């Protein structure tokens, strides 16, 4: 079984498949058994099972530094 990627709220990730709006950058908003993310282009929110989300990640663009600060005010 592959190693679990440490996913935290506030991370920005690039996924393999593009969203119908054309965006492939997502900000993680919830982490649990499912992971919620918001498309940075159209602001659509999706929830995926953790296993599927981890499989779809192409790369992590920004780690979770200041995640609690960045998440507020949006």
PDB file of N, CA and C in Angstrom:
ATOM      1  N   UNK A   1       0.844  -1.185   0.000  1.00  0.00           N
ATOM      2  CA  UNK A   1       0.000   0.000   0.000  1.00  0.00           C
ATOM      3  C   UNK A   1       0.887   1.245   0.000  1.00  0.00           C
ATOM      4  N   UNK A   2       0.621   2.206  -0.909  1.00  0.00           N
ATOM      5  CA  UNK A   2       1.468   3.395  -0.971  1.00  0.00           C
ATOM      6  C   UNK A   2       1.311   4.266   0.272  1.00  0.00           C
ATOM      7  N   UNK A   3       2.328   5.084   0.503  1.00  0.00           N
ATOM      8  CA  UNK A   3       2.329   5.966   1.649  1.00  0.00           C
ATOM      9  C   UNK A   3       1.254   7.033   1.523  1.00  0.00           C
ATOM     10  N   UNK A   4       0.672   7.404   2.652  1.00  0.00           N
ATOM     11  CA  UNK A   4      -0.375   8.421   2.675  1.00  0.00           C
ATOM     12  C   UNK A   4       0.263   9.808   2.545  1.00  0.00           C
ATOM     13  N   UNK A   5      -0.238  10.617   1.638  1.00  0.00           N
ATOM     14  CA  UNK A   5       0.270  11.970   1.455  1.00  0.00           C
ATOM     15  C   UNK A   5      -0.300  12.841   2.569  1.00  0.00           C
ATOM     16  N   UNK A   6       0.525  13.609   3.273  1.00  0.00           N
ATOM     17  CA  UNK A   6      -0.005  14.462   4.337  1.00  0.00           C
ATOM     18  C   UNK A   6      -0.756  15.664   3.743  1.00  0.00           C
ATOM     19  N   UNK A   7      -2.067  15.571   3.735  1.00  0.00           N
ATOM     20  CA  UNK A   7      -2.901  16.625   3.170  1.00  0.00           C
ATOM     21  C   UNK A   7      -3.467  17.445   4.320  1.00  0.00           C
ATOM     22  N   UNK A   8      -3.356  18.773   4.214  1.00  0.00           N
ATOM     23  CA  UNK A   8      -3.847  19.657   5.262  1.00  0.00           C
ATOM     24  C   UNK A   8      -4.679  20.775   4.646  1.00  0.00           C
ATOM     25  N   UNK A   9      -5.568  21.331   5.444  1.00  0.00           N
ATOM     26  CA  UNK A   9      -6.404  22.443   4.998  1.00  0.00           C
ATOM     27  C   UNK A   9      -5.508  23.614   4.605  1.00  0.00           C
ATOM     28  N   UNK A  10      -5.812  24.218   3.469  1.00  0.00           N
ATOM     29  CA  UNK A  10      -5.052  25.368   2.989  1.00  0.00           C
ATOM     30  C   UNK A  10      -4.035  25.035   1.912  1.00  0.00           C
ATOM     31  N   UNK A  11      -3.760  23.749   1.715  1.00  0.00           N
ATOM     32  CA  UNK A  11      -2.799  23.356   0.682  1.00  0.00           C
ATOM     33  C   UNK A  11      -3.366  23.665  -0.701  1.00  0.00           C
ATOM     34  N   UNK A  12      -2.497  24.015  -1.620  1.00  0.00           N
ATOM     35  CA  UNK A  12      -2.880  24.170  -3.017  1.00  0.00           C
ATOM     36  C   UNK A  12      -2.254  23.019  -3.779  1.00  0.00           C
ATOM     37  N   UNK A  13      -3.092  22.295  -4.535  1.00  0.00           N
ATOM     38  CA  UNK A  13      -2.603  21.143  -5.285  1.00  0.00           C
ATOM     39  C   UNK A  13      -3.040  21.239  -6.742  1.00  0.00           C
ATOM     40  N   UNK A  14      -2.266  20.604  -7.585  1.00  0.00           N
ATOM     41  CA  UNK A  14      -2.626  20.487  -9.002  1.00  0.00           C
ATOM     42  C   UNK A  14      -3.075  19.050  -9.213  1.00  0.00           C
ATOM     43  N   UNK A  15      -4.277  18.879  -9.781  1.00  0.00           N
ATOM     44  CA  UNK A  15      -4.801  17.539 -10.034  1.00  0.00           C
ATOM     45  C   UNK A  15      -4.549  17.137 -11.481  1.00  0.00           C
ATOM     46  N   UNK A  16      -4.571  15.841 -11.737  1.00  0.00           N
ATOM     47  CA  UNK A  16      -4.282  15.316 -13.075  1.00  0.00           C
ATOM     48  C   UNK A  16      -5.341  15.704 -14.106  1.00  0.00           C
ATOM     49  N   UNK A  17      -6.612  15.575 -13.730  1.00  0.00           N
ATOM     50  CA  UNK A  17      -7.689  15.903 -14.668  1.00  0.00           C
ATOM     51  C   UNK A  17      -8.140  17.339 -14.446  1.00  0.00           C
ATOM     52  N   UNK A  18      -8.416  18.027 -15.523  1.00  0.00           N
ATOM     53  CA  UNK A  18      -8.919  19.392 -15.409  1.00  0.00           C
ATOM     54  C   UNK A  18     -10.403  19.376 -15.067  1.00  0.00           C
ATOM     55  N   UNK A  19     -10.821  20.393 -14.350  1.00  0.00           N
ATOM     56  CA  UNK A  19     -12.228  20.611 -14.047  1.00  0.00           C
ATOM     57  C   UNK A  19     -12.891  21.082 -15.345  1.00  0.00           C
ATOM     58  N   UNK A  20     -14.205  20.891 -15.518  1.00  0.00           N
ATOM     59  CA  UNK A  20     -14.862  21.353 -16.750  1.00  0.00           C
ATOM     60  C   UNK A  20     -14.640  22.836 -17.063  1.00  0.00           C
ATOM     61  N   UNK A  21     -14.372  23.657 -16.042  1.00  0.00           N
ATOM     62  CA  UNK A  21     -14.115  25.079 -16.284  1.00  0.00           C
ATOM     63  C   UNK A  21     -12.720  25.301 -16.870  1.00  0.00           C
ATOM     64  N   UNK A  22     -11.872  24.277 -16.843  1.00  0.00           N
ATOM     65  CA  UNK A  22     -10.515  24.384 -17.384  1.00  0.00           C
ATOM     66  C   UNK A  22      -9.448  24.506 -16.318  1.00  0.00           C
ATOM     67  N   UNK A  23      -9.834  24.676 -15.063  1.00  0.00           N
ATOM     68  CA  UNK A  23      -8.862  24.818 -13.980  1.00  0.00           C
ATOM     69  C   UNK A  23      -8.375  23.471 -13.470  1.00  0.00           C
ATOM     70  N   UNK A  24      -7.113  23.436 -13.040  1.00  0.00           N
ATOM     71  CA  UNK A  24      -6.589  22.210 -12.442  1.00  0.00           C
ATOM     72  C   UNK A  24      -5.935  22.479 -11.093  1.00  0.00           C
ATOM     73  N   UNK A  25      -6.089  23.690 -10.569  1.00  0.00           N
ATOM     74  CA  UNK A  25      -5.541  24.047  -9.270  1.00  0.00           C
ATOM     75  C   UNK A  25      -6.669  24.092  -8.245  1.00  0.00           C
ATOM     76  N   UNK A  26      -6.426  23.471  -7.093  1.00  0.00           N
ATOM     77  CA  UNK A  26      -7.447  23.331  -6.063  1.00  0.00           C
ATOM     78  C   UNK A  26      -6.862  23.687  -4.707  1.00  0.00           C
ATOM     79  N   UNK A  27      -7.688  24.279  -3.837  1.00  0.00           N
ATOM     80  CA  UNK A  27      -7.311  24.562  -2.463  1.00  0.00           C
ATOM     81  C   UNK A  27      -8.107  23.632  -1.556  1.00  0.00           C
ATOM     82  N   UNK A  28      -7.418  22.924  -0.684  1.00  0.00           N
ATOM     83  CA  UNK A  28      -8.061  21.975   0.224  1.00  0.00           C
ATOM     84  C   UNK A  28      -8.776  22.759   1.327  1.00  0.00           C
ATOM     85  N   UNK A  29     -10.071  22.438   1.548  1.00  0.00           N
ATOM     86  CA  UNK A  29     -10.859  23.139   2.565  1.00  0.00           C
ATOM     87  C   UNK A  29     -11.299  22.236   3.705  1.00  0.00           C
ATOM     88  N   UNK A  30     -11.260  20.920   3.538  1.00  0.00           N
ATOM     89  CA  UNK A  30     -11.669  19.984   4.577  1.00  0.00           C
ATOM     90  C   UNK A  30     -10.884  18.703   4.406  1.00  0.00           C
ATOM     91  N   UNK A  31     -10.423  18.153   5.530  1.00  0.00           N
ATOM     92  CA  UNK A  31      -9.687  16.887   5.501  1.00  0.00           C
ATOM     93  C   UNK A  31     -10.304  15.946   6.517  1.00  0.00           C
ATOM     94  N   UNK A  32     -10.655  14.768   6.068  1.00  0.00           N
ATOM     95  CA  UNK A  32     -11.223  13.716   6.907  1.00  0.00           C
ATOM     96  C   UNK A  32     -11.171  12.441   6.097  1.00  0.00           C
ATOM     97  N   UNK A  33     -12.194  11.604   6.210  1.00  0.00           N
ATOM     98  CA  UNK A  33     -12.275  10.419   5.359  1.00  0.00           C
ATOM     99  C   UNK A  33     -12.440  10.861   3.906  1.00  0.00           C
ATOM    100  N   UNK A  34     -13.164  11.978   3.721  1.00  0.00           N
ATOM    101  CA  UNK A  34     -13.272  12.625   2.412  1.00  0.00           C
ATOM    102  C   UNK A  34     -12.451  13.901   2.459  1.00  0.00           C
ATOM    103  N   UNK A  35     -12.101  14.407   1.288  1.00  0.00           N
ATOM    104  CA  UNK A  35     -11.364  15.663   1.203  1.00  0.00           C
ATOM    105  C   UNK A  35     -12.167  16.619   0.335  1.00  0.00           C
ATOM    106  N   UNK A  36     -12.400  17.811   0.857  1.00  0.00           N
ATOM    107  CA  UNK A  36     -13.112  18.840   0.104  1.00  0.00           C
ATOM    108  C   UNK A  36     -12.086  19.822  -0.439  1.00  0.00           C
ATOM    109  N   UNK A  37     -12.311  20.254  -1.668  1.00  0.00           N
ATOM    110  CA  UNK A  37     -11.414  21.212  -2.298  1.00  0.00           C
ATOM    111  C   UNK A  37     -12.231  22.189  -3.130  1.00  0.00           C
ATOM    112  N   UNK A  38     -11.676  23.388  -3.320  1.00  0.00           N
ATOM    113  CA  UNK A  38     -12.330  24.435  -4.089  1.00  0.00           C
ATOM    114  C   UNK A  38     -11.467  24.725  -5.314  1.00  0.00           C
ATOM    115  N   UNK A  39     -12.114  24.741  -6.486  1.00  0.00           N
ATOM    116  CA  UNK A  39     -11.415  25.077  -7.721  1.00  0.00           C
ATOM    117  C   UNK A  39     -11.004  26.538  -7.646  1.00  0.00           C
ATOM    118  N   UNK A  40      -9.762  26.842  -7.935  1.00  0.00           N
ATOM    119  CA  UNK A  40      -9.276  28.207  -7.836  1.00  0.00           C
ATOM    120  C   UNK A  40      -9.726  29.069  -9.010  1.00  0.00           C
ATOM    121  N   UNK A  41     -10.253  28.453 -10.037  1.00  0.00           N
ATOM    122  CA  UNK A  41     -10.706  29.217 -11.201  1.00  0.00           C
ATOM    123  C   UNK A  41     -12.185  29.609 -11.087  1.00  0.00           C
ATOM    124  N   UNK A  42     -13.061  28.629 -10.764  1.00  0.00           N
ATOM    125  CA  UNK A  42     -14.502  28.919 -10.750  1.00  0.00           C
ATOM    126  C   UNK A  42     -15.117  28.868  -9.353  1.00  0.00           C
ATOM    127  N   UNK A  43     -14.326  28.516  -8.335  1.00  0.00           N
ATOM    128  CA  UNK A  43     -14.771  28.439  -6.945  1.00  0.00           C
ATOM    129  C   UNK A  43     -15.786  27.327  -6.667  1.00  0.00           C
ATOM    130  N   UNK A  44     -15.863  26.328  -7.527  1.00  0.00           N
ATOM    131  CA  UNK A  44     -16.749  25.185  -7.303  1.00  0.00           C
ATOM    132  C   UNK A  44     -16.133  24.307  -6.228  1.00  0.00           C
ATOM    133  N   UNK A  45     -16.968  23.765  -5.324  1.00  0.00           N
ATOM    134  CA  UNK A  45     -16.487  22.916  -4.238  1.00  0.00           C
ATOM    135  C   UNK A  45     -16.842  21.469  -4.534  1.00  0.00           C
ATOM    136  N   UNK A  46     -15.869  20.578  -4.374  1.00  0.00           N
ATOM    137  CA  UNK A  46     -16.096  19.150  -4.569  1.00  0.00           C
ATOM    138  C   UNK A  46     -15.569  18.387  -3.357  1.00  0.00           C
ATOM    139  N   UNK A  47     -16.150  17.208  -3.142  1.00  0.00           N
ATOM    140  CA  UNK A  47     -15.651  16.298  -2.104  1.00  0.00           C
ATOM    141  C   UNK A  47     -15.333  14.967  -2.758  1.00  0.00           C
ATOM    142  N   UNK A  48     -14.152  14.457  -2.470  1.00  0.00           N
ATOM    143  CA  UNK A  48     -13.712  13.171  -3.005  1.00  0.00           C
ATOM    144  C   UNK A  48     -13.226  12.302  -1.857  1.00  0.00           C
ATOM    145  N   UNK A  49     -13.369  10.986  -1.986  1.00  0.00           N
ATOM    146  CA  UNK A  49     -12.750  10.104  -0.986  1.00  0.00           C
ATOM    147  C   UNK A  49     -11.239  10.332  -0.972  1.00  0.00           C
ATOM    148  N   UNK A  50     -10.650  10.229   0.195  1.00  0.00           N
ATOM    149  CA  UNK A  50      -9.212  10.500   0.357  1.00  0.00           C
ATOM    150  C   UNK A  50      -8.369   9.709  -0.639  1.00  0.00           C
ATOM    151  N   UNK A  51      -8.664   8.425  -0.797  1.00  0.00           N
ATOM    152  CA  UNK A  51      -7.879   7.566  -1.694  1.00  0.00           C
ATOM    153  C   UNK A  51      -7.907   8.094  -3.133  1.00  0.00           C
ATOM    154  N   UNK A  52      -9.090   8.479  -3.599  1.00  0.00           N
ATOM    155  CA  UNK A  52      -9.226   8.995  -4.962  1.00  0.00           C
ATOM    156  C   UNK A  52      -8.518  10.339  -5.114  1.00  0.00           C
ATOM    157  N   UNK A  53      -8.657  11.218  -4.118  1.00  0.00           N
ATOM    158  CA  UNK A  53      -8.002  12.530  -4.169  1.00  0.00           C
ATOM    159  C   UNK A  53      -6.490  12.368  -4.252  1.00  0.00           C
ATOM    160  N   UNK A  54      -5.927  11.500  -3.399  1.00  0.00           N
ATOM    161  CA  UNK A  54      -4.476  11.283  -3.410  1.00  0.00           C
ATOM    162  C   UNK A  54      -4.010  10.724  -4.748  1.00  0.00           C
ATOM    163  N   UNK A  55      -4.812   9.867  -5.340  1.00  0.00           N
ATOM    164  CA  UNK A  55      -4.453   9.281  -6.633  1.00  0.00           C
ATOM    165  C   UNK A  55      -4.446  10.344  -7.735  1.00  0.00           C
ATOM    166  N   UNK A  56      -5.323  11.349  -7.623  1.00  0.00           N
ATOM    167  CA  UNK A  56      -5.439  12.380  -8.654  1.00  0.00           C
ATOM    168  C   UNK A  56      -4.422  13.504  -8.542  1.00  0.00           C
ATOM    169  N   UNK A  57      -3.699  13.591  -7.441  1.00  0.00           N
ATOM    170  CA  UNK A  57      -2.736  14.685  -7.258  1.00  0.00           C
ATOM    171  C   UNK A  57      -1.571  14.536  -8.223  1.00  0.00           C
ATOM    172  N   UNK A  58      -1.301  15.586  -8.963  1.00  0.00           N
ATOM    173  CA  UNK A  58      -0.116  15.637  -9.820  1.00  0.00           C
ATOM    174  C   UNK A  58       1.048  16.213  -9.027  1.00  0.00           C
ATOM    175  N   UNK A  59       0.815  17.356  -8.356  1.00  0.00           N
ATOM    176  CA  UNK A  59       1.853  17.920  -7.496  1.00  0.00           C
ATOM    177  C   UNK A  59       1.244  18.860  -6.478  1.00  0.00           C
ATOM    178  N   UNK A  60       1.960  19.029  -5.369  1.00  0.00           N
ATOM    179  CA  UNK A  60       1.558  19.955  -4.319  1.00  0.00           C
ATOM    180  C   UNK A  60       2.282  21.261  -4.604  1.00  0.00           C
ATOM    181  N   UNK A  61       1.524  22.337  -4.820  1.00  0.00           N
ATOM    182  CA  UNK A  61       2.124  23.615  -5.198  1.00  0.00           C
ATOM    183  C   UNK A  61       2.506  24.462  -3.996  1.00  0.00           C
ATOM    184  N   UNK A  62       1.700  24.421  -2.946  1.00  0.00           N
ATOM    185  CA  UNK A  62       2.077  25.166  -1.750  1.00  0.00           C
ATOM    186  C   UNK A  62       1.780  24.318  -0.536  1.00  0.00           C
ATOM    187  N   UNK A  63       2.765  24.190   0.330  1.00  0.00           N
ATOM    188  CA  UNK A  63       2.518  23.438   1.567  1.00  0.00           C
ATOM    189  C   UNK A  63       1.555  24.217   2.451  1.00  0.00           C
ATOM    190  N   UNK A  64       1.273  23.688   3.622  1.00  0.00           N
ATOM    191  CA  UNK A  64       0.236  24.233   4.486  1.00  0.00           C
ATOM    192  C   UNK A  64       0.680  25.376   5.385  1.00  0.00           C
ATOM    193  N   UNK A  65       1.806  26.022   5.124  1.00  0.00           N
ATOM    194  CA  UNK A  65       2.228  27.107   6.003  1.00  0.00           C
ATOM    195  C   UNK A  65       1.176  28.210   6.028  1.00  0.00           C
ATOM    196  N   UNK A  66       0.881  28.708   7.179  1.00  0.00           N
ATOM    197  CA  UNK A  66      -0.125  29.759   7.377  1.00  0.00           C
ATOM    198  C   UNK A  66      -1.496  29.372   6.846  1.00  0.00           C
ATOM    199  N   UNK A  67      -1.831  28.097   6.863  1.00  0.00           N
ATOM    200  CA  UNK A  67      -3.099  27.642   6.323  1.00  0.00           C
ATOM    201  C   UNK A  67      -4.272  28.252   7.077  1.00  0.00           C
ATOM    202  N   UNK A  68      -4.156  28.378   8.378  1.00  0.00           N
ATOM    203  CA  UNK A  68      -5.261  28.926   9.154  1.00  0.00           C
ATOM    204  C   UNK A  68      -5.453  30.407   8.854  1.00  0.00           C
ATOM    205  N   UNK A  69      -4.382  31.125   8.571  1.00  0.00           N
ATOM    206  CA  UNK A  69      -4.481  32.552   8.264  1.00  0.00           C
ATOM    207  C   UNK A  69      -5.005  32.752   6.851  1.00  0.00           C
ATOM    208  N   UNK A  70      -4.516  31.958   5.901  1.00  0.00           N
ATOM    209  CA  UNK A  70      -4.903  32.101   4.504  1.00  0.00           C
ATOM    210  C   UNK A  70      -6.375  31.762   4.298  1.00  0.00           C
ATOM    211  N   UNK A  71      -6.892  30.818   5.064  1.00  0.00           N
ATOM    212  CA  UNK A  71      -8.268  30.404   4.905  1.00  0.00           C
ATOM    213  C   UNK A  71      -9.283  31.441   5.364  1.00  0.00           C
ATOM    214  N   UNK A  72      -8.871  32.363   6.218  1.00  0.00           N
ATOM    215  CA  UNK A  72      -9.797  33.368   6.725  1.00  0.00           C
ATOM    216  C   UNK A  72      -9.820  34.572   5.806  1.00  0.00           C
ATOM    217  N   UNK A  73     -10.960  35.205   5.714  1.00  0.00           N
ATOM    218  CA  UNK A  73     -11.076  36.422   4.911  1.00  0.00           C
ATOM    219  C   UNK A  73     -11.409  36.162   3.466  1.00  0.00           C
ATOM    220  N   UNK A  74     -11.672  34.919   3.097  1.00  0.00           N
ATOM    221  CA  UNK A  74     -12.017  34.633   1.706  1.00  0.00           C
ATOM    222  C   UNK A  74     -13.481  34.401   1.573  1.00  0.00           C
TER     223      UNK A  74
END
